Protein backbone atom coordinates (compact mmCIF):
# COMPACT_ATOMS: atom_id res chain seq x y z
CA MET A 1 117.35 101.30 120.32
CA PRO A 2 118.18 103.60 117.37
CA PRO A 3 115.58 106.23 116.43
CA PRO A 4 113.31 105.63 113.44
CA VAL A 5 114.45 107.15 110.15
CA PHE A 6 112.05 108.93 107.78
CA ARG A 7 112.67 110.54 104.40
CA PHE A 8 111.07 112.99 102.01
CA ALA A 9 112.14 112.26 98.43
CA PRO A 10 111.02 114.79 95.79
CA SER A 11 112.16 114.93 92.17
CA PRO A 12 113.53 118.28 90.95
CA ASN A 13 111.64 118.16 87.66
CA GLY A 14 109.29 120.97 88.63
CA TYR A 15 108.34 123.17 91.57
CA LEU A 16 106.76 121.68 94.68
CA HIS A 17 102.97 121.92 95.00
CA LEU A 18 100.44 121.33 97.80
CA GLY A 19 100.65 117.56 97.43
CA HIS A 20 104.37 117.69 98.15
CA ALA A 21 103.72 120.02 101.09
CA LEU A 22 101.31 117.51 102.64
CA SER A 23 103.79 114.66 102.31
CA ALA A 24 106.72 116.67 103.65
CA LEU A 25 104.69 117.99 106.59
CA LEU A 26 103.37 114.53 107.47
CA ASN A 27 106.92 113.19 107.46
CA ALA A 28 108.07 116.03 109.69
CA GLU A 29 105.19 115.44 112.11
CA ALA A 30 105.93 111.72 112.24
CA VAL A 31 109.59 112.49 113.00
CA ARG A 32 108.63 114.75 115.89
CA ALA A 33 106.11 112.27 117.29
CA ALA A 34 108.58 109.35 117.14
CA GLY A 35 111.72 111.25 118.10
CA GLY A 36 113.14 110.16 114.77
CA ARG A 37 115.48 111.43 112.08
CA MET A 38 114.42 113.28 108.93
CA LEU A 39 116.35 112.73 105.70
CA LEU A 40 115.92 114.50 102.39
CA ARG A 41 116.61 112.66 99.15
CA ILE A 42 116.74 114.35 95.77
CA GLU A 43 115.45 111.85 93.20
CA ASP A 44 117.19 113.30 90.15
CA ILE A 45 117.93 110.08 88.32
CA ASP A 46 116.17 111.51 85.23
CA VAL A 47 118.92 113.95 84.36
CA THR A 48 117.10 115.16 81.22
CA ARG A 49 114.13 116.57 83.17
CA CYS A 50 115.69 117.56 86.49
CA ARG A 51 117.09 121.07 86.84
CA PRO A 52 119.27 122.86 89.42
CA GLU A 53 116.73 125.66 89.88
CA TYR A 54 114.05 123.15 90.88
CA GLU A 55 116.40 121.52 93.37
CA ALA A 56 117.30 124.90 94.87
CA ALA A 57 113.59 125.69 95.19
CA ILE A 58 113.01 122.43 97.09
CA TYR A 59 115.48 123.45 99.79
CA GLU A 60 114.07 126.97 99.97
CA GLU A 61 110.42 125.94 100.18
CA LEU A 62 110.93 123.16 102.71
CA ALA A 63 112.85 125.57 104.94
CA TRP A 64 110.03 128.12 104.53
CA LEU A 65 107.55 125.48 105.72
CA GLY A 66 109.70 125.01 108.82
CA ILE A 67 110.95 121.54 107.91
CA GLN A 68 114.45 120.54 108.98
CA TRP A 69 116.52 117.66 107.64
CA GLU A 70 119.91 116.09 108.08
CA ARG A 71 122.89 116.80 105.86
CA PRO A 72 124.30 115.74 103.51
CA VAL A 73 121.37 115.25 101.16
CA ARG A 74 121.48 112.11 99.01
CA ARG A 75 121.25 112.95 95.32
CA GLN A 76 120.51 109.98 93.09
CA SER A 77 122.60 111.35 90.23
CA GLU A 78 125.69 110.88 92.41
CA HIS A 79 125.01 107.19 93.08
CA PHE A 80 124.46 105.51 89.72
CA ALA A 81 127.04 102.87 90.71
CA ASP A 82 124.76 101.69 93.54
CA TYR A 83 121.90 101.04 91.13
CA SER A 84 124.20 99.35 88.64
CA ALA A 85 125.49 96.99 91.33
CA ALA A 86 121.93 96.08 92.36
CA LEU A 87 120.95 95.43 88.76
CA GLN A 88 123.99 93.22 88.26
CA ARG A 89 122.95 91.13 91.26
CA LEU A 90 119.56 90.49 89.69
CA GLU A 91 121.19 89.72 86.35
CA ALA A 92 123.46 87.20 88.07
CA MET A 93 120.32 85.49 89.40
CA GLY A 94 118.99 85.25 85.86
CA LEU A 95 116.06 87.53 86.64
CA VAL A 96 116.61 90.34 84.12
CA TYR A 97 116.13 90.44 80.36
CA PRO A 98 116.09 93.22 77.73
CA SER A 99 113.02 94.09 75.68
CA PHE A 100 113.26 96.20 72.55
CA GLU A 101 109.72 97.32 71.70
CA SER A 102 108.92 101.02 71.85
CA ARG A 103 105.89 102.21 73.83
CA ALA A 104 104.03 102.64 70.55
CA GLU A 105 104.88 99.09 69.50
CA ILE A 106 103.70 97.75 72.85
CA ALA A 107 100.44 99.70 72.46
CA ALA A 108 99.94 98.17 69.02
CA LEU A 109 100.58 94.64 70.32
CA VAL A 110 98.05 95.16 73.09
CA ALA A 111 95.45 96.66 70.75
CA ALA A 112 95.57 93.49 68.67
CA ARG A 113 94.94 91.31 71.74
CA GLU A 114 92.31 93.22 73.70
CA PRO A 115 91.16 92.65 76.34
CA TRP A 116 94.67 92.61 77.79
CA PRO A 117 95.65 92.65 81.49
CA ARG A 118 96.88 95.92 82.94
CA ASP A 119 98.87 96.85 86.00
CA PRO A 120 97.44 98.83 88.95
CA ASP A 121 98.42 102.10 87.23
CA GLY A 122 96.50 101.12 84.09
CA ALA A 123 99.47 100.35 81.86
CA PRO A 124 99.36 97.08 79.86
CA LEU A 125 101.47 94.22 81.15
CA TYR A 126 104.42 93.56 78.87
CA PRO A 127 103.05 91.64 75.85
CA GLY A 128 106.23 91.08 73.85
CA SER A 129 108.33 88.00 73.21
CA ALA A 130 111.74 89.27 74.34
CA LYS A 131 111.81 86.86 77.26
CA SER A 132 112.15 83.94 74.85
CA MET A 133 114.82 85.63 72.73
CA GLY A 134 118.14 83.79 72.64
CA PRO A 135 121.20 85.28 74.40
CA ASP A 136 123.10 85.82 71.14
CA GLU A 137 120.26 87.77 69.57
CA ARG A 138 119.85 89.84 72.73
CA ALA A 139 123.54 90.68 72.81
CA GLN A 140 123.53 91.56 69.12
CA ARG A 141 120.52 93.86 69.47
CA MET A 142 122.01 95.64 72.47
CA ALA A 143 125.43 95.98 70.81
CA SER A 144 123.78 97.53 67.75
CA GLY A 145 122.71 100.52 69.82
CA ALA A 146 119.00 99.71 69.74
CA PRO A 147 116.97 101.23 72.60
CA TYR A 148 115.96 98.71 75.23
CA ALA A 149 114.38 98.30 78.63
CA LEU A 150 115.71 95.89 81.23
CA ARG A 151 112.78 94.01 82.76
CA LEU A 152 112.36 91.81 85.80
CA ASP A 153 111.26 88.28 84.92
CA MET A 154 108.38 88.28 87.39
CA GLU A 155 107.67 84.55 87.21
CA LYS A 156 111.28 83.61 87.95
CA ALA A 157 111.59 86.30 90.63
CA LEU A 158 108.54 85.06 92.52
CA ALA A 159 109.85 81.50 92.31
CA ARG A 160 112.93 82.56 94.28
CA VAL A 161 110.93 84.00 97.17
CA THR A 162 109.84 81.71 99.99
CA GLY A 163 106.88 82.54 102.19
CA ASN A 164 104.29 85.24 101.76
CA LEU A 165 105.24 88.79 100.85
CA ALA A 166 103.55 91.49 102.92
CA TRP A 167 104.16 94.88 104.45
CA SER A 168 103.11 96.75 107.57
CA GLU A 169 100.69 99.57 106.68
CA SER A 170 99.23 102.38 108.78
CA GLY A 171 97.89 104.62 106.06
CA ASP A 172 94.65 106.27 105.04
CA CYS A 173 93.18 103.39 103.02
CA ALA A 174 94.34 100.34 104.97
CA THR A 175 96.08 99.28 108.16
CA GLY A 176 97.81 96.13 109.33
CA GLU A 177 99.61 93.49 107.31
CA ILE A 178 98.99 93.98 103.59
CA ALA A 179 99.55 91.04 101.24
CA ALA A 180 101.83 92.03 98.38
CA ASP A 181 100.85 91.15 94.81
CA PRO A 182 103.85 91.93 92.61
CA ALA A 183 102.53 89.66 89.84
CA ALA A 184 99.88 92.32 89.15
CA TRP A 185 102.66 94.43 87.64
CA GLY A 186 103.98 91.86 85.19
CA ASP A 187 107.58 92.14 84.03
CA VAL A 188 108.29 95.62 85.35
CA VAL A 189 111.04 97.82 83.92
CA LEU A 190 114.10 98.11 86.18
CA ALA A 191 116.26 100.27 83.92
CA ARG A 192 116.55 101.54 80.36
CA LYS A 193 119.47 101.98 78.01
CA ASP A 194 119.81 105.66 78.96
CA THR A 195 118.41 105.48 82.50
CA PRO A 196 120.38 103.49 85.10
CA ALA A 197 117.39 102.59 87.27
CA SER A 198 113.63 102.80 87.39
CA TYR A 199 111.86 104.30 90.37
CA HIS A 200 111.18 100.80 91.71
CA LEU A 201 114.83 99.78 91.77
CA ALA A 202 116.24 103.11 92.91
CA VAL A 203 113.83 103.58 95.82
CA VAL A 204 114.55 100.11 97.21
CA VAL A 205 118.32 100.63 96.96
CA ASP A 206 118.17 104.14 98.45
CA ASP A 207 115.90 103.22 101.35
CA ALA A 208 118.19 100.37 102.32
CA LEU A 209 121.43 102.34 102.02
CA GLN A 210 119.97 105.22 104.05
CA GLY A 211 118.58 102.94 106.74
CA ILE A 212 115.00 104.11 106.24
CA THR A 213 112.69 102.48 108.78
CA ASP A 214 109.45 104.35 107.97
CA VAL A 215 108.14 105.42 104.57
CA VAL A 216 105.43 108.09 104.51
CA ARG A 217 104.26 108.76 100.95
CA GLY A 218 101.14 109.25 98.81
CA LEU A 219 98.42 106.71 98.13
CA ASP A 220 99.36 106.69 94.45
CA LEU A 221 102.33 104.49 95.44
CA PHE A 222 100.36 102.05 97.60
CA HIS A 223 100.22 99.26 94.99
CA ALA A 224 103.84 99.83 93.89
CA THR A 225 104.88 98.67 97.36
CA SER A 226 104.24 95.12 96.14
CA VAL A 227 107.13 95.46 93.67
CA HIS A 228 109.32 97.06 96.32
CA ARG A 229 108.69 94.22 98.75
CA LEU A 230 109.64 91.70 96.08
CA LEU A 231 112.90 93.48 95.34
CA GLN A 232 113.66 93.79 99.05
CA ALA A 233 113.14 90.06 99.43
CA LEU A 234 115.38 89.26 96.46
CA PHE A 235 118.16 91.46 97.87
CA GLY A 236 117.67 90.20 101.44
CA LEU A 237 116.80 93.68 102.70
CA PRO A 238 114.60 94.61 105.67
CA ALA A 239 111.20 96.11 104.90
CA PRO A 240 110.38 99.57 106.24
CA ARG A 241 107.03 100.33 107.78
CA TYR A 242 104.73 102.11 105.33
CA ARG A 243 102.12 104.83 105.64
CA HIS A 244 100.39 105.83 102.41
CA HIS A 245 98.53 109.08 102.95
CA ARG A 246 95.63 110.75 101.15
CA LEU A 247 96.30 112.81 98.04
CA ILE A 248 95.53 116.45 97.35
CA LEU A 249 93.17 116.55 94.36
CA ASP A 250 92.37 119.27 91.85
CA ALA A 251 88.90 120.52 90.90
CA ASP A 252 88.50 117.59 88.50
CA GLY A 253 89.33 115.01 91.16
CA ARG A 254 92.81 114.28 89.84
CA LYS A 255 95.91 114.25 92.01
CA LEU A 256 98.04 117.35 91.77
CA SER A 257 100.91 116.95 89.33
CA LYS A 258 103.76 119.01 87.96
CA SER A 259 102.83 117.78 84.49
CA THR A 260 99.37 119.36 84.77
CA ALA A 261 100.77 122.69 85.98
CA ALA A 262 99.48 122.40 89.54
CA THR A 263 99.86 125.68 91.41
CA ALA A 264 103.36 125.72 92.88
CA LEU A 265 104.13 126.57 96.50
CA ARG A 266 106.32 129.41 95.28
CA GLU A 267 103.31 131.00 93.59
CA LEU A 268 101.17 130.66 96.70
CA ARG A 269 103.99 132.13 98.74
CA ALA A 270 104.25 135.06 96.30
CA GLN A 271 100.52 135.63 96.75
CA GLY A 272 101.14 136.23 100.44
CA LEU A 273 100.18 132.85 101.91
CA THR A 274 102.03 131.81 105.06
CA PRO A 275 103.20 128.34 106.13
CA SER A 276 100.15 128.22 108.42
CA ASP A 277 97.93 128.91 105.41
CA ILE A 278 99.55 126.01 103.57
CA ARG A 279 98.94 123.71 106.51
CA ARG A 280 95.27 124.65 106.50
CA ARG A 281 95.00 124.16 102.74
CA VAL A 282 96.29 120.61 103.02
CA GLY A 283 94.03 119.85 105.99
CA LEU A 284 96.60 120.05 108.80
CA ASP A 285 95.15 122.66 111.16
């Protein structure tokens, strides 16, 4: 029986912090316990925010923590064709449509209709009328160069799936078979005019192509697994086992984030902390 395959998949849009360290270390421990394989994926699909120096720092800091991974590393920016092919499959099923409202326009539509349903991350479900737009008007708007987002028609997608959607969970907030609820996300974005794939689409494609059997990641992605299970079902892909682990929070109770300038591992390392110190700080004595 082949060994289980795990992956750590950071984005090089900032330096790694303690939250990343916890996830990487938990993956490495799971690999050792299961006699599995450890893959590293660089999720650099957002080429405007990702930088070579951040990617170089990822390799350096993971090695400093004592984490080993297989080569070559999969870099999303080198595999746009894979995401395009997956999107075309969904389009051929009639499950994708373009919407043209900006985020500000969507916010205004929602404000006029409050209370309005929101997804598990707190964003409003898509309120626009693009789904009913005729094919000629869609093509004309796209050909004109107007910005657009390609959305999954959730109602049609769910109609194509037989049986109940669920996933196997062994994480910090739940265990066992978890019922998926992709409808809670509404018509999620799968790609944009200038971005070949959303996180949802790219992670499903990458996990399948890399043969990932076990996904160990933060609790902030627990509910997103519902969308991933739906896409896996639509593509006829196997579902990995999932473990969503606790998050490292700041003094205000918020998860650590690059966007909020969370203290980077490189800064802690410069202060003289050792890998053992990092393990203790993330609660892995």
